[in-house]
Protein backbone atom coordinates (compact mmCIF):
# COMPACT_ATOMS: atom_id res chain seq x y z
CA UNK A 1 0.00 0.00 0.00
CA UNK A 2 2.81 2.39 0.90
CA UNK A 3 4.57 1.79 -2.45
CA UNK A 4 1.41 2.52 -4.38
CA UNK A 5 0.90 5.73 -2.44
CA UNK A 6 4.48 6.89 -3.11
CA UNK A 7 4.07 6.03 -6.78
CA UNK A 8 0.87 8.05 -6.91
CA UNK A 9 2.54 11.03 -5.18
CA UNK A 10 5.41 10.86 -7.66
CA UNK A 11 3.00 10.88 -10.61
CA UNK A 12 1.06 13.83 -9.19
CA UNK A 13 4.29 15.83 -8.71
CA UNK A 14 5.36 15.02 -12.25
CA UNK A 15 1.99 16.13 -13.61
CA UNK A 16 2.29 19.36 -11.63
CA UNK A 17 5.69 20.01 -13.23
CA UNK A 18 4.29 19.27 -16.68
CA UNK A 19 1.36 21.62 -16.13
CA UNK A 20 3.70 24.35 -14.93
CA UNK A 21 5.83 24.01 -18.09
CA UNK A 22 2.69 24.02 -20.22
CA UNK A 23 1.42 27.23 -18.64
CA UNK A 24 4.82 28.89 -19.13
CA UNK A 25 4.75 27.93 -22.80
CA UNK A 26 1.20 29.28 -23.14
CA UNK A 27 2.27 32.60 -21.63
CA UNK A 28 5.24 32.73 -23.98
CA UNK A 29 2.99 32.02 -26.95
CA UNK A 30 0.69 34.87 -25.90
CA UNK A 31 3.66 37.24 -25.91
CA UNK A 32 4.79 36.06 -29.33
CA UNK A 33 1.28 36.31 -30.78
CA UNK A 34 1.01 39.85 -29.45
CA UNK A 35 4.24 40.79 -31.22
CA UNK A 36 3.01 39.20 -34.44
CA UNK A 37 -0.24 41.16 -34.16
CA UNK A 38 1.68 44.43 -33.75
CA UNK A 39 3.76 43.63 -36.84
CA UNK A 40 0.65 42.86 -38.87
CA UNK A 41 -0.92 46.13 -37.73
CA UNK A 42 2.19 48.00 -38.90
CA UNK A 43 1.99 46.30 -42.30
CA UNK A 44 -1.69 47.19 -42.57
CA UNK A 45 -1.08 50.86 -41.80
CA UNK A 46 1.85 50.97 -44.22
CA UNK A 47 -0.41 49.58 -46.96
CA UNK A 48 -3.11 52.16 -46.20
CA UNK A 49 -0.50 54.90 -46.23
CA UNK A 50 0.88 53.72 -49.57
CA UNK A 51 -2.62 53.63 -51.02
CA UNK A 52 -3.32 57.15 -49.75
CA UNK A 53 0.01 58.40 -51.15
CA UNK A 54 -0.79 56.82 -54.52
CA UNK A 55 -4.24 58.41 -54.59
CA UNK A 56 -2.88 61.84 -53.68
CA UNK A 57 0.01 61.66 -56.13
CA UNK A 58 -2.10 60.40 -59.04
CA UNK A 59 -5.32 62.33 -58.52
CA UNK A 60 -4.09 65.33 -56.61
CA UNK A 61 -5.45 66.38 -53.24
CA UNK A 62 -8.82 67.67 -54.44
CA UNK A 63 -9.32 64.78 -56.83
CA UNK A 64 -8.68 62.23 -54.10
CA UNK A 65 -11.18 63.94 -51.80
CA UNK A 66 -13.76 63.85 -54.56
CA UNK A 67 -13.08 60.16 -55.12
CA UNK A 68 -13.56 59.41 -51.40
CA UNK A 69 -16.73 61.45 -51.10
C-alpha atoms as a PDB file:
ATOM      1  CA  UNK A   1       0.000   0.000   0.000  1.00  0.00           C
ATOM      2  CA  UNK A   2       2.810   2.388   0.897  1.00  0.00           C
ATOM      3  CA  UNK A   3       4.570   1.789  -2.452  1.00  0.00           C
ATOM      4  CA  UNK A   4       1.410   2.520  -4.378  1.00  0.00           C
ATOM      5  CA  UNK A   5       0.898   5.734  -2.443  1.00  0.00           C
ATOM      6  CA  UNK A   6       4.477   6.886  -3.107  1.00  0.00           C
ATOM      7  CA  UNK A   7       4.072   6.034  -6.783  1.00  0.00           C
ATOM      8  CA  UNK A   8       0.868   8.054  -6.911  1.00  0.00           C
ATOM      9  CA  UNK A   9       2.537  11.027  -5.185  1.00  0.00           C
ATOM     10  CA  UNK A  10       5.408  10.864  -7.664  1.00  0.00           C
ATOM     11  CA  UNK A  11       3.000  10.881 -10.607  1.00  0.00           C
ATOM     12  CA  UNK A  12       1.062  13.827  -9.188  1.00  0.00           C
ATOM     13  CA  UNK A  13       4.289  15.829  -8.711  1.00  0.00           C
ATOM     14  CA  UNK A  14       5.357  15.021 -12.252  1.00  0.00           C
ATOM     15  CA  UNK A  15       1.989  16.127 -13.607  1.00  0.00           C
ATOM     16  CA  UNK A  16       2.293  19.361 -11.632  1.00  0.00           C
ATOM     17  CA  UNK A  17       5.687  20.009 -13.234  1.00  0.00           C
ATOM     18  CA  UNK A  18       4.295  19.267 -16.680  1.00  0.00           C
ATOM     19  CA  UNK A  19       1.362  21.617 -16.133  1.00  0.00           C
ATOM     20  CA  UNK A  20       3.704  24.349 -14.929  1.00  0.00           C
ATOM     21  CA  UNK A  21       5.826  24.011 -18.090  1.00  0.00           C
ATOM     22  CA  UNK A  22       2.695  24.019 -20.220  1.00  0.00           C
ATOM     23  CA  UNK A  23       1.417  27.233 -18.636  1.00  0.00           C
ATOM     24  CA  UNK A  24       4.818  28.889 -19.132  1.00  0.00           C
ATOM     25  CA  UNK A  25       4.746  27.933 -22.805  1.00  0.00           C
ATOM     26  CA  UNK A  26       1.202  29.278 -23.142  1.00  0.00           C
ATOM     27  CA  UNK A  27       2.272  32.603 -21.631  1.00  0.00           C
ATOM     28  CA  UNK A  28       5.239  32.725 -23.977  1.00  0.00           C
ATOM     29  CA  UNK A  29       2.987  32.024 -26.949  1.00  0.00           C
ATOM     30  CA  UNK A  30       0.693  34.873 -25.898  1.00  0.00           C
ATOM     31  CA  UNK A  31       3.661  37.244 -25.915  1.00  0.00           C
ATOM     32  CA  UNK A  32       4.786  36.058 -29.334  1.00  0.00           C
ATOM     33  CA  UNK A  33       1.283  36.305 -30.782  1.00  0.00           C
ATOM     34  CA  UNK A  34       1.013  39.847 -29.446  1.00  0.00           C
ATOM     35  CA  UNK A  35       4.240  40.790 -31.215  1.00  0.00           C
ATOM     36  CA  UNK A  36       3.014  39.200 -34.439  1.00  0.00           C
ATOM     37  CA  UNK A  37      -0.238  41.158 -34.157  1.00  0.00           C
ATOM     38  CA  UNK A  38       1.682  44.426 -33.752  1.00  0.00           C
ATOM     39  CA  UNK A  39       3.763  43.631 -36.839  1.00  0.00           C
ATOM     40  CA  UNK A  40       0.649  42.856 -38.874  1.00  0.00           C
ATOM     41  CA  UNK A  41      -0.918  46.134 -37.731  1.00  0.00           C
ATOM     42  CA  UNK A  42       2.187  47.998 -38.902  1.00  0.00           C
ATOM     43  CA  UNK A  43       1.988  46.297 -42.297  1.00  0.00           C
ATOM     44  CA  UNK A  44      -1.693  47.185 -42.568  1.00  0.00           C
ATOM     45  CA  UNK A  45      -1.077  50.861 -41.801  1.00  0.00           C
ATOM     46  CA  UNK A  46       1.847  50.973 -44.225  1.00  0.00           C
ATOM     47  CA  UNK A  47      -0.411  49.584 -46.962  1.00  0.00           C
ATOM     48  CA  UNK A  48      -3.112  52.156 -46.204  1.00  0.00           C
ATOM     49  CA  UNK A  49      -0.498  54.901 -46.230  1.00  0.00           C
ATOM     50  CA  UNK A  50       0.884  53.718 -49.565  1.00  0.00           C
ATOM     51  CA  UNK A  51      -2.620  53.633 -51.020  1.00  0.00           C
ATOM     52  CA  UNK A  52      -3.317  57.154 -49.752  1.00  0.00           C
ATOM     53  CA  UNK A  53       0.006  58.400 -51.153  1.00  0.00           C
ATOM     54  CA  UNK A  54      -0.785  56.820 -54.521  1.00  0.00           C
ATOM     55  CA  UNK A  55      -4.238  58.408 -54.592  1.00  0.00           C
ATOM     56  CA  UNK A  56      -2.882  61.842 -53.684  1.00  0.00           C
ATOM     57  CA  UNK A  57       0.013  61.658 -56.134  1.00  0.00           C
ATOM     58  CA  UNK A  58      -2.101  60.403 -59.039  1.00  0.00           C
ATOM     59  CA  UNK A  59      -5.322  62.332 -58.519  1.00  0.00           C
ATOM     60  CA  UNK A  60      -4.091  65.325 -56.607  1.00  0.00           C
ATOM     61  CA  UNK A  61      -5.451  66.375 -53.240  1.00  0.00           C
ATOM     62  CA  UNK A  62      -8.816  67.668 -54.442  1.00  0.00           C
ATOM     63  CA  UNK A  63      -9.322  64.780 -56.835  1.00  0.00           C
ATOM     64  CA  UNK A  64      -8.677  62.233 -54.103  1.00  0.00           C
ATOM     65  CA  UNK A  65     -11.177  63.943 -51.803  1.00  0.00           C
ATOM     66  CA  UNK A  66     -13.757  63.852 -54.563  1.00  0.00           C
ATOM     67  CA  UNK A  67     -13.076  60.157 -55.117  1.00  0.00           C
ATOM     68  CA  UNK A  68     -13.564  59.410 -51.403  1.00  0.00           C
ATOM     69  CA  UNK A  69     -16.735  61.449 -51.098  1.00  0.00           C
END
